[in-house]
Each structure stands twice: as C-alpha cells, then as structure tokens.
N, C-alpha and C. Protein backbone atom coordinates (compact mmCIF):
# COMPACT_ATOMS: atom_id res chain seq x y z
N MET A 1 -131.64 77.88 47.45
CA MET A 1 -131.97 77.33 48.78
C MET A 1 -131.25 76.01 48.98
N GLN A 2 -131.17 75.19 47.92
CA GLN A 2 -130.49 73.90 48.06
C GLN A 2 -129.02 74.11 48.35
N LEU A 3 -128.37 75.10 47.69
CA LEU A 3 -126.95 75.37 47.91
C LEU A 3 -126.71 75.90 49.30
N VAL A 4 -127.60 76.74 49.79
CA VAL A 4 -127.46 77.29 51.15
C VAL A 4 -127.56 76.17 52.16
N ARG A 5 -128.46 75.23 51.94
CA ARG A 5 -128.60 74.11 52.88
C ARG A 5 -127.34 73.26 52.93
N TYR A 6 -126.68 73.00 51.73
CA TYR A 6 -125.45 72.22 51.72
C TYR A 6 -124.32 72.97 52.39
N GLN A 7 -124.31 74.31 52.19
CA GLN A 7 -123.24 75.10 52.80
C GLN A 7 -123.33 75.08 54.31
N ARG A 8 -124.51 74.91 54.84
CA ARG A 8 -124.68 74.83 56.29
C ARG A 8 -124.41 73.43 56.83
N ASP A 9 -124.34 72.47 55.93
CA ASP A 9 -124.12 71.08 56.37
C ASP A 9 -122.70 70.92 56.90
N PRO A 10 -122.50 70.33 58.10
CA PRO A 10 -121.15 70.17 58.70
C PRO A 10 -120.20 69.35 57.82
N PHE A 11 -120.71 68.29 57.21
CA PHE A 11 -119.85 67.45 56.38
C PHE A 11 -119.35 68.22 55.16
N PHE A 12 -120.26 69.05 54.60
CA PHE A 12 -119.88 69.87 53.45
C PHE A 12 -118.79 70.86 53.85
N GLN A 13 -118.96 71.46 55.03
CA GLN A 13 -117.95 72.39 55.53
C GLN A 13 -116.61 71.68 55.74
N PHE A 14 -116.63 70.43 56.21
CA PHE A 14 -115.38 69.67 56.44
C PHE A 14 -114.65 69.39 55.12
N VAL A 15 -115.42 68.99 54.09
CA VAL A 15 -114.81 68.71 52.80
C VAL A 15 -114.16 69.96 52.23
N LEU A 16 -114.86 71.11 52.37
CA LEU A 16 -114.30 72.35 51.86
C LEU A 16 -113.01 72.73 52.58
N SER A 17 -113.00 72.50 53.86
CA SER A 17 -111.81 72.88 54.64
C SER A 17 -110.67 71.89 54.46
N TRP A 18 -110.92 70.65 54.01
CA TRP A 18 -109.86 69.63 53.90
C TRP A 18 -109.12 69.69 52.58
N ARG A 19 -109.75 70.18 51.50
CA ARG A 19 -109.12 70.17 50.19
C ARG A 19 -107.79 70.92 50.24
N PRO A 20 -106.73 70.33 49.65
CA PRO A 20 -105.40 70.94 49.76
C PRO A 20 -105.34 72.36 49.21
N ASN A 21 -106.06 72.68 48.11
CA ASN A 21 -105.96 74.00 47.49
C ASN A 21 -107.06 74.95 47.95
N ASN A 22 -107.85 74.55 48.91
CA ASN A 22 -108.91 75.40 49.42
C ASN A 22 -108.29 76.59 50.15
N PRO A 23 -108.82 77.80 49.94
CA PRO A 23 -108.23 78.98 50.60
C PRO A 23 -108.17 78.84 52.11
N ARG A 24 -109.18 78.21 52.69
CA ARG A 24 -109.17 78.05 54.15
C ARG A 24 -108.03 77.14 54.57
N THR A 25 -107.84 76.07 53.77
CA THR A 25 -106.76 75.13 54.10
C THR A 25 -105.41 75.81 53.98
N LEU A 26 -105.23 76.59 52.92
CA LEU A 26 -103.97 77.29 52.74
C LEU A 26 -103.72 78.30 53.84
N GLU A 27 -104.79 79.00 54.20
CA GLU A 27 -104.65 80.00 55.27
C GLU A 27 -104.30 79.33 56.59
N SER A 28 -104.92 78.13 56.84
CA SER A 28 -104.61 77.40 58.07
C SER A 28 -103.16 76.94 58.09
N ARG A 29 -102.66 76.47 56.92
CA ARG A 29 -101.26 76.02 56.86
C ARG A 29 -100.31 77.18 57.09
N ASN A 30 -100.62 78.33 56.45
CA ASN A 30 -99.74 79.48 56.62
C ASN A 30 -99.71 79.95 58.06
N ARG A 31 -100.87 79.90 58.72
CA ARG A 31 -100.93 80.31 60.13
C ARG A 31 -100.11 79.36 61.00
N LYS A 32 -100.23 78.05 60.74
CA LYS A 32 -99.46 77.07 61.51
C LYS A 32 -97.98 77.21 61.23
N LYS A 33 -97.63 77.59 59.98
CA LYS A 33 -96.22 77.76 59.65
C LYS A 33 -95.64 78.95 60.40
N ARG A 34 -96.46 80.06 60.47
CA ARG A 34 -95.98 81.23 61.19
C ARG A 34 -95.83 80.95 62.68
N GLU A 35 -96.73 80.09 63.19
CA GLU A 35 -96.69 79.76 64.62
C GLU A 35 -95.67 78.67 64.94
N GLY A 36 -94.98 78.14 63.91
CA GLY A 36 -93.96 77.10 64.15
C GLY A 36 -94.53 75.71 64.23
N LYS A 37 -95.80 75.53 63.87
CA LYS A 37 -96.41 74.20 63.92
C LYS A 37 -96.28 73.54 62.55
N LYS A 38 -96.15 72.22 62.57
CA LYS A 38 -96.01 71.46 61.33
C LYS A 38 -97.36 70.97 60.87
N ASP A 39 -97.59 71.11 59.59
CA ASP A 39 -98.83 70.63 58.99
C ASP A 39 -98.71 69.13 58.73
N PRO A 40 -99.56 68.28 59.33
CA PRO A 40 -99.47 66.82 59.13
C PRO A 40 -99.58 66.45 57.66
N TYR A 41 -100.40 67.15 56.90
CA TYR A 41 -100.56 66.82 55.48
C TYR A 41 -99.26 67.09 54.71
N SER A 42 -98.65 68.25 54.99
CA SER A 42 -97.39 68.59 54.31
C SER A 42 -96.29 67.63 54.71
N LYS A 43 -96.27 67.23 56.00
CA LYS A 43 -95.26 66.30 56.48
C LYS A 43 -95.38 64.96 55.76
N LYS A 44 -96.60 64.51 55.52
CA LYS A 44 -96.81 63.25 54.83
C LYS A 44 -96.34 63.36 53.38
N MET A 45 -96.63 64.52 52.73
CA MET A 45 -96.22 64.71 51.35
C MET A 45 -94.71 64.78 51.23
N GLU A 46 -94.03 65.31 52.29
CA GLU A 46 -92.58 65.40 52.26
C GLU A 46 -91.95 64.03 52.42
N LYS A 47 -92.54 63.18 53.24
CA LYS A 47 -91.95 61.88 53.53
C LYS A 47 -92.11 60.90 52.38
N THR A 48 -93.22 60.98 51.66
CA THR A 48 -93.51 59.99 50.64
C THR A 48 -92.45 59.94 49.53
N PRO A 49 -92.04 61.08 48.94
CA PRO A 49 -90.99 61.00 47.91
C PRO A 49 -89.68 60.45 48.44
N MET A 50 -89.32 60.80 49.69
CA MET A 50 -88.08 60.30 50.26
C MET A 50 -88.12 58.78 50.38
N SER A 51 -89.26 58.24 50.80
CA SER A 51 -89.38 56.79 50.95
C SER A 51 -89.28 56.10 49.60
N LEU A 52 -89.95 56.65 48.60
CA LEU A 52 -89.89 56.05 47.27
C LEU A 52 -88.48 56.13 46.70
N THR A 53 -87.79 57.23 46.93
CA THR A 53 -86.42 57.38 46.45
C THR A 53 -85.50 56.36 47.09
N ALA A 54 -85.66 56.16 48.41
CA ALA A 54 -84.83 55.18 49.11
C ALA A 54 -85.05 53.78 48.58
N ILE A 55 -86.31 53.43 48.30
CA ILE A 55 -86.62 52.11 47.78
C ILE A 55 -86.01 51.92 46.39
N LEU A 56 -86.11 52.96 45.55
CA LEU A 56 -85.55 52.86 44.20
C LEU A 56 -84.03 52.72 44.23
N ILE A 57 -83.37 53.48 45.13
CA ILE A 57 -81.91 53.38 45.24
C ILE A 57 -81.50 51.99 45.70
N LEU A 58 -82.21 51.44 46.69
CA LEU A 58 -81.91 50.10 47.18
C LEU A 58 -82.10 49.06 46.09
N PHE A 59 -83.15 49.20 45.30
CA PHE A 59 -83.41 48.25 44.21
C PHE A 59 -82.30 48.31 43.16
N LEU A 60 -81.85 49.52 42.81
CA LEU A 60 -80.79 49.66 41.83
C LEU A 60 -79.48 49.08 42.33
N LEU A 61 -79.18 49.28 43.62
CA LEU A 61 -77.95 48.72 44.19
C LEU A 61 -77.97 47.20 44.15
N LEU A 62 -79.09 46.60 44.54
CA LEU A 62 -79.21 45.14 44.53
C LEU A 62 -79.11 44.59 43.11
N SER A 63 -79.70 45.28 42.15
CA SER A 63 -79.64 44.83 40.76
C SER A 63 -78.21 44.89 40.23
N THR A 64 -77.47 45.94 40.62
CA THR A 64 -76.08 46.08 40.17
C THR A 64 -75.22 44.99 40.75
N LEU A 65 -75.39 44.70 42.05
CA LEU A 65 -74.61 43.65 42.69
C LEU A 65 -74.90 42.29 42.08
N ALA A 66 -76.16 42.03 41.78
CA ALA A 66 -76.53 40.73 41.19
C ALA A 66 -75.93 40.59 39.79
N ALA A 67 -75.90 41.69 39.04
CA ALA A 67 -75.37 41.61 37.68
C ALA A 67 -73.86 41.46 37.66
N SER A 68 -73.18 42.04 38.68
CA SER A 68 -71.72 42.00 38.69
C SER A 68 -71.16 40.76 39.37
N SER A 69 -72.00 39.97 40.03
CA SER A 69 -71.51 38.78 40.72
C SER A 69 -71.13 37.70 39.72
N PRO A 70 -69.95 37.06 39.88
CA PRO A 70 -69.55 36.02 38.94
C PRO A 70 -70.39 34.77 39.10
N THR A 71 -70.53 34.02 38.00
CA THR A 71 -71.27 32.77 38.03
C THR A 71 -70.32 31.66 38.43
N THR A 72 -70.47 31.21 39.64
CA THR A 72 -69.57 30.19 40.17
C THR A 72 -70.35 28.92 40.42
N THR A 73 -69.79 27.80 39.96
CA THR A 73 -70.42 26.50 40.13
C THR A 73 -69.65 25.69 41.16
N THR A 74 -70.35 25.19 42.14
CA THR A 74 -69.75 24.33 43.15
C THR A 74 -70.58 23.07 43.24
N ASP A 75 -69.92 21.90 43.16
CA ASP A 75 -70.70 20.67 43.12
C ASP A 75 -70.04 19.60 43.96
N ASP A 76 -70.51 18.34 43.83
CA ASP A 76 -70.06 17.25 44.69
C ASP A 76 -68.71 16.71 44.23
N ALA A 77 -68.29 15.59 44.84
CA ALA A 77 -66.94 15.07 44.64
C ALA A 77 -66.70 14.59 43.21
N GLN A 78 -67.73 14.19 42.48
CA GLN A 78 -67.53 13.70 41.12
C GLN A 78 -67.43 14.84 40.11
N SER A 79 -67.83 16.02 40.49
CA SER A 79 -67.89 17.13 39.56
C SER A 79 -66.54 17.56 38.98
N PRO A 80 -65.44 17.55 39.73
CA PRO A 80 -64.17 17.97 39.11
C PRO A 80 -63.83 17.15 37.87
N TYR A 81 -64.08 15.86 37.91
CA TYR A 81 -63.78 15.00 36.77
C TYR A 81 -64.71 15.30 35.59
N LYS A 82 -65.98 15.57 35.90
CA LYS A 82 -66.93 15.92 34.85
C LYS A 82 -66.56 17.27 34.23
N ALA A 83 -66.09 18.19 35.07
CA ALA A 83 -65.69 19.50 34.56
C ALA A 83 -64.52 19.36 33.59
N LEU A 84 -63.57 18.49 33.91
CA LEU A 84 -62.45 18.24 32.99
C LEU A 84 -62.96 17.69 31.67
N ALA A 85 -63.87 16.72 31.75
CA ALA A 85 -64.40 16.10 30.53
C ALA A 85 -65.17 17.13 29.68
N ASP A 86 -65.83 18.08 30.34
CA ASP A 86 -66.57 19.10 29.59
C ASP A 86 -65.64 19.96 28.74
N PHE A 87 -64.37 20.06 29.13
CA PHE A 87 -63.41 20.85 28.37
C PHE A 87 -62.44 19.96 27.58
N ASN A 88 -62.85 18.69 27.37
CA ASN A 88 -62.13 17.75 26.52
C ASN A 88 -60.81 17.26 27.15
N PHE A 89 -60.79 17.17 28.48
CA PHE A 89 -59.62 16.63 29.17
C PHE A 89 -60.00 15.29 29.81
N PRO A 90 -59.05 14.36 29.92
CA PRO A 90 -59.33 13.08 30.60
C PRO A 90 -59.36 13.28 32.12
N VAL A 91 -60.08 12.40 32.80
CA VAL A 91 -60.24 12.52 34.25
C VAL A 91 -58.94 12.25 34.99
N GLY A 92 -57.98 11.56 34.33
CA GLY A 92 -56.74 11.20 34.99
C GLY A 92 -55.82 12.35 35.30
N LEU A 93 -56.19 13.57 34.91
CA LEU A 93 -55.38 14.72 35.31
C LEU A 93 -55.48 14.98 36.81
N LEU A 94 -56.54 14.47 37.42
CA LEU A 94 -56.72 14.61 38.88
C LEU A 94 -56.68 13.23 39.53
N PRO A 95 -56.08 13.12 40.71
CA PRO A 95 -56.08 11.83 41.41
C PRO A 95 -57.45 11.51 41.97
N LYS A 96 -57.63 10.27 42.38
CA LYS A 96 -58.91 9.86 42.97
C LYS A 96 -59.13 10.58 44.30
N GLY A 97 -60.39 10.75 44.63
CA GLY A 97 -60.74 11.31 45.93
C GLY A 97 -60.88 12.81 45.97
N ALA A 98 -61.04 13.46 44.81
CA ALA A 98 -61.26 14.91 44.81
C ALA A 98 -62.58 15.23 45.52
N LEU A 99 -62.56 16.25 46.35
CA LEU A 99 -63.73 16.56 47.18
C LEU A 99 -64.74 17.47 46.47
N GLY A 100 -64.28 18.29 45.58
CA GLY A 100 -65.18 19.23 44.91
C GLY A 100 -64.40 20.21 44.07
N TYR A 101 -65.11 21.19 43.53
CA TYR A 101 -64.45 22.16 42.66
C TYR A 101 -65.26 23.43 42.60
N GLU A 102 -64.62 24.48 42.08
CA GLU A 102 -65.29 25.74 41.78
C GLU A 102 -64.89 26.16 40.37
N LEU A 103 -65.85 26.68 39.63
CA LEU A 103 -65.59 27.11 38.26
C LEU A 103 -66.34 28.41 38.00
N ASP A 104 -65.58 29.43 37.67
CA ASP A 104 -66.17 30.70 37.27
C ASP A 104 -66.32 30.67 35.75
N ARG A 105 -67.52 30.48 35.28
CA ARG A 105 -67.74 30.32 33.84
C ARG A 105 -67.55 31.62 33.07
N ALA A 106 -67.49 32.73 33.78
CA ALA A 106 -67.29 34.01 33.10
C ALA A 106 -65.86 34.15 32.58
N ASN A 107 -64.87 33.67 33.37
CA ASN A 107 -63.47 33.82 32.93
C ASN A 107 -62.70 32.50 32.91
N GLY A 108 -63.34 31.38 33.29
CA GLY A 108 -62.70 30.08 33.24
C GLY A 108 -61.83 29.73 34.44
N LYS A 109 -61.87 30.54 35.49
CA LYS A 109 -61.06 30.24 36.66
C LYS A 109 -61.56 28.95 37.32
N PHE A 110 -60.63 28.04 37.58
CA PHE A 110 -60.98 26.70 38.02
C PHE A 110 -60.17 26.33 39.26
N SER A 111 -60.83 25.72 40.24
CA SER A 111 -60.15 25.22 41.44
C SER A 111 -60.73 23.86 41.78
N ALA A 112 -59.84 22.92 42.09
CA ALA A 112 -60.25 21.58 42.53
C ALA A 112 -59.65 21.33 43.91
N PHE A 113 -60.40 20.61 44.74
CA PHE A 113 -60.01 20.43 46.13
C PHE A 113 -59.82 18.95 46.46
N LEU A 114 -58.66 18.64 47.04
CA LEU A 114 -58.35 17.27 47.44
C LEU A 114 -58.37 17.16 48.96
N ASN A 115 -58.44 15.94 49.44
CA ASN A 115 -58.41 15.71 50.87
C ASN A 115 -56.95 15.62 51.34
N GLY A 116 -56.25 16.75 51.27
CA GLY A 116 -54.85 16.79 51.65
C GLY A 116 -53.94 16.67 50.43
N SER A 117 -52.63 16.72 50.66
CA SER A 117 -51.66 16.60 49.56
C SER A 117 -51.60 15.16 49.07
N CYS A 118 -51.05 15.00 47.85
CA CYS A 118 -51.02 13.68 47.22
C CYS A 118 -49.78 13.59 46.35
N SER A 119 -49.14 12.42 46.35
CA SER A 119 -47.96 12.22 45.50
C SER A 119 -47.89 10.76 45.06
N PHE A 120 -47.26 10.54 43.91
CA PHE A 120 -47.05 9.19 43.39
C PHE A 120 -45.97 9.26 42.31
N SER A 121 -45.47 8.09 41.90
CA SER A 121 -44.37 8.00 40.94
C SER A 121 -44.88 7.60 39.56
N LEU A 122 -44.16 8.07 38.56
CA LEU A 122 -44.41 7.68 37.18
C LEU A 122 -43.16 7.02 36.61
N GLU A 123 -43.35 6.22 35.56
CA GLU A 123 -42.22 5.60 34.89
C GLU A 123 -41.30 6.68 34.32
N GLY A 124 -40.01 6.47 34.42
CA GLY A 124 -39.06 7.43 33.90
C GLY A 124 -38.49 8.33 34.97
N SER A 125 -38.54 7.88 36.24
CA SER A 125 -37.99 8.62 37.37
C SER A 125 -38.72 9.92 37.64
N TYR A 126 -39.98 10.00 37.23
CA TYR A 126 -40.78 11.18 37.51
C TYR A 126 -41.65 10.94 38.74
N GLU A 127 -41.84 11.99 39.52
CA GLU A 127 -42.80 11.96 40.61
C GLU A 127 -43.73 13.15 40.47
N LEU A 128 -44.99 12.91 40.76
CA LEU A 128 -45.97 13.99 40.73
C LEU A 128 -46.44 14.29 42.15
N LYS A 129 -46.63 15.56 42.42
CA LYS A 129 -47.10 15.95 43.74
C LYS A 129 -48.23 16.97 43.56
N TYR A 130 -49.34 16.71 44.27
CA TYR A 130 -50.49 17.60 44.23
C TYR A 130 -50.69 18.24 45.60
N LYS A 131 -50.96 19.52 45.62
CA LYS A 131 -51.37 20.18 46.85
C LYS A 131 -52.86 19.95 47.07
N SER A 132 -53.35 20.34 48.23
CA SER A 132 -54.77 20.11 48.52
C SER A 132 -55.69 20.95 47.64
N THR A 133 -55.18 22.04 47.09
CA THR A 133 -55.96 22.88 46.18
C THR A 133 -55.18 23.08 44.89
N ILE A 134 -55.80 22.74 43.77
CA ILE A 134 -55.20 22.95 42.45
C ILE A 134 -56.04 24.01 41.76
N SER A 135 -55.40 25.02 41.22
CA SER A 135 -56.15 26.11 40.59
C SER A 135 -55.49 26.52 39.28
N GLY A 136 -56.27 27.17 38.45
CA GLY A 136 -55.79 27.65 37.16
C GLY A 136 -56.96 28.15 36.34
N TYR A 137 -56.75 28.28 35.05
CA TYR A 137 -57.79 28.72 34.12
C TYR A 137 -57.99 27.64 33.06
N ILE A 138 -59.25 27.26 32.88
CA ILE A 138 -59.54 26.15 31.98
C ILE A 138 -60.37 26.64 30.80
N SER A 139 -60.04 26.11 29.63
CA SER A 139 -60.80 26.34 28.41
C SER A 139 -60.69 25.09 27.55
N GLU A 140 -61.29 25.08 26.41
CA GLU A 140 -61.28 23.89 25.56
C GLU A 140 -59.84 23.48 25.23
N ASN A 141 -59.45 22.27 25.69
CA ASN A 141 -58.13 21.69 25.40
C ASN A 141 -56.95 22.44 26.02
N ARG A 142 -57.21 23.30 27.01
CA ARG A 142 -56.09 24.07 27.57
C ARG A 142 -56.32 24.40 29.05
N LEU A 143 -55.31 24.11 29.85
CA LEU A 143 -55.25 24.53 31.26
C LEU A 143 -54.04 25.43 31.42
N THR A 144 -54.26 26.66 31.88
CA THR A 144 -53.16 27.62 32.00
C THR A 144 -53.08 28.19 33.41
N ASN A 145 -51.94 28.85 33.69
CA ASN A 145 -51.70 29.47 35.00
C ASN A 145 -51.94 28.50 36.15
N LEU A 146 -51.53 27.26 35.94
CA LEU A 146 -51.75 26.23 36.96
C LEU A 146 -50.88 26.47 38.19
N SER A 147 -51.43 26.10 39.33
CA SER A 147 -50.67 26.08 40.58
C SER A 147 -51.16 24.91 41.41
N GLY A 148 -50.26 24.30 42.15
CA GLY A 148 -50.65 23.19 43.01
C GLY A 148 -50.21 21.83 42.51
N ILE A 149 -49.59 21.76 41.31
CA ILE A 149 -49.09 20.49 40.75
C ILE A 149 -47.61 20.67 40.41
N SER A 150 -46.78 19.76 40.88
CA SER A 150 -45.35 19.83 40.57
C SER A 150 -44.85 18.45 40.18
N VAL A 151 -43.76 18.42 39.40
CA VAL A 151 -43.16 17.18 38.93
C VAL A 151 -41.68 17.19 39.28
N LYS A 152 -41.17 16.03 39.68
CA LYS A 152 -39.76 15.90 40.01
C LYS A 152 -39.01 15.37 38.79
N VAL A 153 -38.14 16.18 38.26
CA VAL A 153 -37.31 15.80 37.12
C VAL A 153 -35.87 15.74 37.60
N LEU A 154 -35.30 14.52 37.58
CA LEU A 154 -33.98 14.28 38.16
C LEU A 154 -34.01 14.67 39.64
N PHE A 155 -33.34 15.73 40.03
CA PHE A 155 -33.32 16.11 41.44
C PHE A 155 -34.08 17.40 41.70
N LEU A 156 -34.81 17.89 40.69
CA LEU A 156 -35.48 19.18 40.82
C LEU A 156 -37.00 19.02 40.81
N TRP A 157 -37.67 19.79 41.67
CA TRP A 157 -39.12 19.87 41.64
C TRP A 157 -39.51 21.10 40.84
N LEU A 158 -40.30 20.89 39.79
CA LEU A 158 -40.73 21.97 38.91
C LEU A 158 -42.26 22.05 38.90
N ASN A 159 -42.77 23.25 38.89
CA ASN A 159 -44.23 23.44 38.85
C ASN A 159 -44.76 23.27 37.43
N ILE A 160 -45.79 22.46 37.30
CA ILE A 160 -46.48 22.33 36.02
C ILE A 160 -47.41 23.53 35.88
N VAL A 161 -47.18 24.33 34.86
CA VAL A 161 -47.92 25.59 34.73
C VAL A 161 -48.96 25.54 33.61
N GLU A 162 -48.87 24.53 32.75
CA GLU A 162 -49.81 24.48 31.64
C GLU A 162 -49.96 23.05 31.14
N VAL A 163 -51.19 22.69 30.77
CA VAL A 163 -51.47 21.39 30.14
C VAL A 163 -52.31 21.68 28.89
N VAL A 164 -51.84 21.16 27.75
CA VAL A 164 -52.52 21.38 26.48
C VAL A 164 -52.80 20.04 25.83
N ARG A 165 -54.04 19.85 25.39
CA ARG A 165 -54.36 18.65 24.64
C ARG A 165 -54.20 18.92 23.16
N ASP A 166 -53.41 18.07 22.50
CA ASP A 166 -53.18 18.18 21.07
C ASP A 166 -53.49 16.81 20.45
N GLY A 167 -54.73 16.65 20.02
CA GLY A 167 -55.15 15.37 19.45
C GLY A 167 -55.16 14.28 20.52
N ASP A 168 -54.34 13.26 20.34
CA ASP A 168 -54.26 12.14 21.28
C ASP A 168 -53.12 12.29 22.27
N GLN A 169 -52.57 13.48 22.39
CA GLN A 169 -51.47 13.71 23.30
C GLN A 169 -51.77 14.85 24.26
N LEU A 170 -51.17 14.74 25.44
CA LEU A 170 -51.23 15.80 26.44
C LEU A 170 -49.82 16.35 26.63
N GLU A 171 -49.69 17.64 26.49
CA GLU A 171 -48.38 18.27 26.68
C GLU A 171 -48.35 19.00 28.02
N PHE A 172 -47.44 18.60 28.88
CA PHE A 172 -47.26 19.22 30.19
C PHE A 172 -46.07 20.17 30.12
N SER A 173 -46.30 21.41 30.53
CA SER A 173 -45.24 22.42 30.46
C SER A 173 -44.86 22.87 31.87
N VAL A 174 -43.54 23.00 32.09
CA VAL A 174 -43.03 23.55 33.35
C VAL A 174 -42.41 24.92 33.10
N GLY A 175 -42.75 25.52 32.00
CA GLY A 175 -42.24 26.84 31.67
C GLY A 175 -41.07 26.78 30.71
N ILE A 176 -39.94 26.25 31.19
CA ILE A 176 -38.73 26.19 30.36
C ILE A 176 -38.63 24.88 29.59
N ALA A 177 -39.48 23.91 29.90
CA ALA A 177 -39.44 22.61 29.23
C ALA A 177 -40.84 22.01 29.22
N SER A 178 -41.04 21.01 28.36
CA SER A 178 -42.35 20.37 28.26
C SER A 178 -42.16 18.91 27.89
N ALA A 179 -43.17 18.10 28.19
CA ALA A 179 -43.15 16.67 27.85
C ALA A 179 -44.55 16.27 27.39
N SER A 180 -44.61 15.34 26.45
CA SER A 180 -45.89 14.89 25.91
C SER A 180 -46.17 13.45 26.32
N PHE A 181 -47.44 13.19 26.67
CA PHE A 181 -47.89 11.85 27.05
C PHE A 181 -49.09 11.49 26.20
N LEU A 182 -49.24 10.19 25.92
CA LEU A 182 -50.45 9.74 25.23
C LEU A 182 -51.65 9.88 26.15
N ILE A 183 -52.76 10.33 25.59
CA ILE A 183 -53.94 10.56 26.40
C ILE A 183 -54.52 9.26 26.97
N ASP A 184 -54.21 8.13 26.32
CA ASP A 184 -54.71 6.84 26.80
C ASP A 184 -54.25 6.55 28.23
N ASP A 185 -53.12 7.11 28.63
CA ASP A 185 -52.60 6.86 29.97
C ASP A 185 -53.37 7.60 31.06
N PHE A 186 -54.28 8.49 30.67
CA PHE A 186 -54.95 9.34 31.65
C PHE A 186 -56.47 9.16 31.66
N TYR A 187 -56.94 8.05 31.09
CA TYR A 187 -58.38 7.83 31.11
C TYR A 187 -58.87 7.36 32.48
N GLU A 188 -57.94 6.95 33.34
CA GLU A 188 -58.28 6.60 34.72
C GLU A 188 -57.52 7.52 35.65
N SER A 189 -58.12 7.82 36.78
CA SER A 189 -57.46 8.69 37.75
C SER A 189 -56.45 7.90 38.58
N PRO A 190 -55.25 8.46 38.81
CA PRO A 190 -54.27 7.78 39.65
C PRO A 190 -54.68 7.85 41.12
N GLN A 191 -54.11 6.98 41.91
CA GLN A 191 -54.39 6.95 43.34
C GLN A 191 -53.16 7.44 44.09
N CYS A 192 -53.40 8.25 45.09
CA CYS A 192 -52.29 8.78 45.89
C CYS A 192 -51.48 7.62 46.48
N GLY A 193 -50.18 7.71 46.34
CA GLY A 193 -49.30 6.68 46.88
C GLY A 193 -48.80 5.74 45.82
N CYS A 194 -49.72 5.05 45.13
CA CYS A 194 -49.31 4.05 44.14
C CYS A 194 -49.56 4.46 42.70
N GLY A 195 -50.18 5.61 42.47
CA GLY A 195 -50.32 6.13 41.12
C GLY A 195 -51.34 5.42 40.27
N PHE A 196 -50.92 5.00 39.06
CA PHE A 196 -51.85 4.43 38.08
C PHE A 196 -52.02 2.92 38.20
N ASP A 197 -51.16 2.26 38.96
CA ASP A 197 -51.26 0.81 39.07
C ASP A 197 -51.08 0.41 40.52
N CYS A 198 -52.20 0.23 41.22
CA CYS A 198 -52.15 -0.08 42.64
C CYS A 198 -52.48 -1.55 42.91
N ASP A 199 -52.72 -2.35 41.87
CA ASP A 199 -53.10 -3.74 42.08
C ASP A 199 -51.91 -4.59 42.52
N ASN A 200 -50.77 -4.40 41.88
CA ASN A 200 -49.62 -5.24 42.21
C ASN A 200 -48.42 -4.43 42.72
N GLY A 201 -48.66 -3.13 42.97
CA GLY A 201 -47.61 -2.31 43.53
C GLY A 201 -46.57 -1.87 42.53
N GLN A 202 -46.76 -2.21 41.25
CA GLN A 202 -45.80 -1.80 40.24
C GLN A 202 -46.22 -0.49 39.60
N VAL A 203 -45.25 0.27 39.23
CA VAL A 203 -45.52 1.55 38.58
C VAL A 203 -45.79 1.32 37.11
N ARG A 204 -46.90 1.86 36.63
CA ARG A 204 -47.25 1.67 35.22
C ARG A 204 -46.24 2.41 34.33
N LYS A 205 -45.88 1.76 33.25
CA LYS A 205 -44.98 2.38 32.29
C LYS A 205 -45.81 3.22 31.32
N LEU A 206 -45.54 4.52 31.32
CA LEU A 206 -46.28 5.42 30.46
C LEU A 206 -45.50 5.67 29.17
N LYS A 207 -46.27 5.81 28.09
CA LYS A 207 -45.67 6.13 26.81
C LYS A 207 -45.58 7.66 26.71
N PHE A 208 -44.37 8.19 26.66
CA PHE A 208 -44.21 9.63 26.69
C PHE A 208 -42.91 10.04 26.01
N ASN A 209 -42.86 11.33 25.70
CA ASN A 209 -41.62 11.95 25.25
C ASN A 209 -41.06 12.72 26.44
N PRO A 210 -39.80 12.54 26.79
CA PRO A 210 -39.24 13.16 27.99
C PRO A 210 -39.25 14.68 27.89
N PHE A 211 -39.14 15.32 29.07
CA PHE A 211 -39.13 16.79 29.11
C PHE A 211 -37.96 17.31 28.28
N VAL A 212 -38.30 18.20 27.36
CA VAL A 212 -37.28 18.84 26.52
C VAL A 212 -37.45 20.34 26.65
N SER A 213 -36.35 21.04 26.50
CA SER A 213 -36.36 22.49 26.65
C SER A 213 -37.20 23.12 25.56
N SER A 214 -37.99 24.12 25.95
CA SER A 214 -38.80 24.85 24.98
C SER A 214 -38.13 26.14 24.52
N MET A 215 -36.89 26.35 24.94
CA MET A 215 -36.17 27.57 24.58
C MET A 215 -35.42 27.36 23.24
C-alpha cells in the first residue's frame, strides 16, 4: 500500500520520468528524435565536452607560448652600463647618455640604445663612431657579432665586430685586424664629441697596441 501511494504521487512520477536511463525517458527521447525534435538534455550533454575541450586547448596554447617566449630584460638608462659590468666589461665601452638596453638571457643577444649617433677621437689618429643602436651577443669577457660601432683607421672606416677582455686588456677586432687597449682607459664612459677628456678639450692619450693584421 505504501508503494502504491508513492507511485501515485506526482513528484514520484516526475522523478521516474526524468532519470536519464528510465524507459519512459528513453522512449520520449526516441520519439522526439523520430519527430525531428532535439532533446534538451542530450543537447546539454553534447555541448559540455566541446566546451571543456576548447578550454583545455586554449590553456595548452597559452602555456606553450609562455614557455617559448624569450626572457628579455629592458631597464632604465643606467642599465646598459650595469649589464656590461655583469659580464666583466668596463662601462667605457659605451658613451655617456645611453637610453636603455635589451638583453635576451637565453642566448645573450644584447642591444643598447643611444640618443642618436655619436662620434669622438682617440689618440693615434683613431675615430670612433656609434650608431643609435648597438647590438651583438654578450657573454663573460666576450662581445661578438657586433654592429653599430666603427673605427677610422687612416682613411678607412672599419666595423668593430668583436671585443674580448683578456686580463687587463681589451682587444678590439675589425675582422682582418685587431688592437689591444689597457682596460684602465675604459673605466669611464666617453662623451660624444670630446671623447674621454672633455675638461680641457684635449684628446686623452690611450695606451694601446696599434691595429695589426690577424691573418
């Protein structure tokens, strides 16, 4: 008698008809399918996996992009000089007034930015010229694949492509020739126009070995 009373209860009948595996529910779905009607329950079940799949794909794509992005450091105007010091180079490799830099720590790619081009003279009939952007690859005691710095030797302008620190000396290479300077001459940054000595307008005499052929 108790079971008969529950079976007559409307709420009990609703629960029986709502269960997904109930024969009445299945029969109702099949009838709606034959009539071309969509079952809201089935539609919801179809959409849910698609939504979860889309979210998972998006998450994986974002994770891949984040992992493959290079680690690049960009800082204020004093940072280029600090970056040089971190790799055991003196700050005098760059003139005063550098605006900033970029460093990819994954492969050592380095770029420094100046407020326009810069040039000055050195003792020994040398002139140095900097472009507004100097780039290359930096590692401990070595700058390679340099671009943006050139030196005038006699009547020729040659690109400085490499700088290597060897103890207390800096070796500047233009590819076919190189010259060594004492590192003491580069502890201060030169100033565009007057170079290393702007107090009295005289060009500082640097202690160096002249460019000699490396061939």
